[in-house]
Amino acid sequence: MEYGFLGWIIVGLIAGALAKWIMPGKDPGGIIVTILIGIAGGLVGGFIGSQLGIGGNGHIVSILIATAGAVLLLWIYRLIRSRSA
């Protein structure tokens, strides 16, 4: 199953919620920034997954890839924000 841009945004919303669940804690930007990071993570994860040939193997795989991207971006965001504070 191949997702388009809008599909990865929707998957990114789910991924953002899962990433927040995996990495609980107070984020400097609040829920809106976390949602945006989830969407970005979905897009990044979807792009990388499709480049590796694993992006279109089903809904669960797509959500896992997007969640991994969102967790990575959330971790980077927290790292950058904690150094600047």
Foldseek 3Di string as FASTA:
>chain_A
DQDDLVRLLVLLQVLLVVLCVVVPDDDPVPDVVSSVLSSVLSVVLLVVCVVVPNCPPDDVSSSVSSNVSSNVSSVVRRVVVVVVD
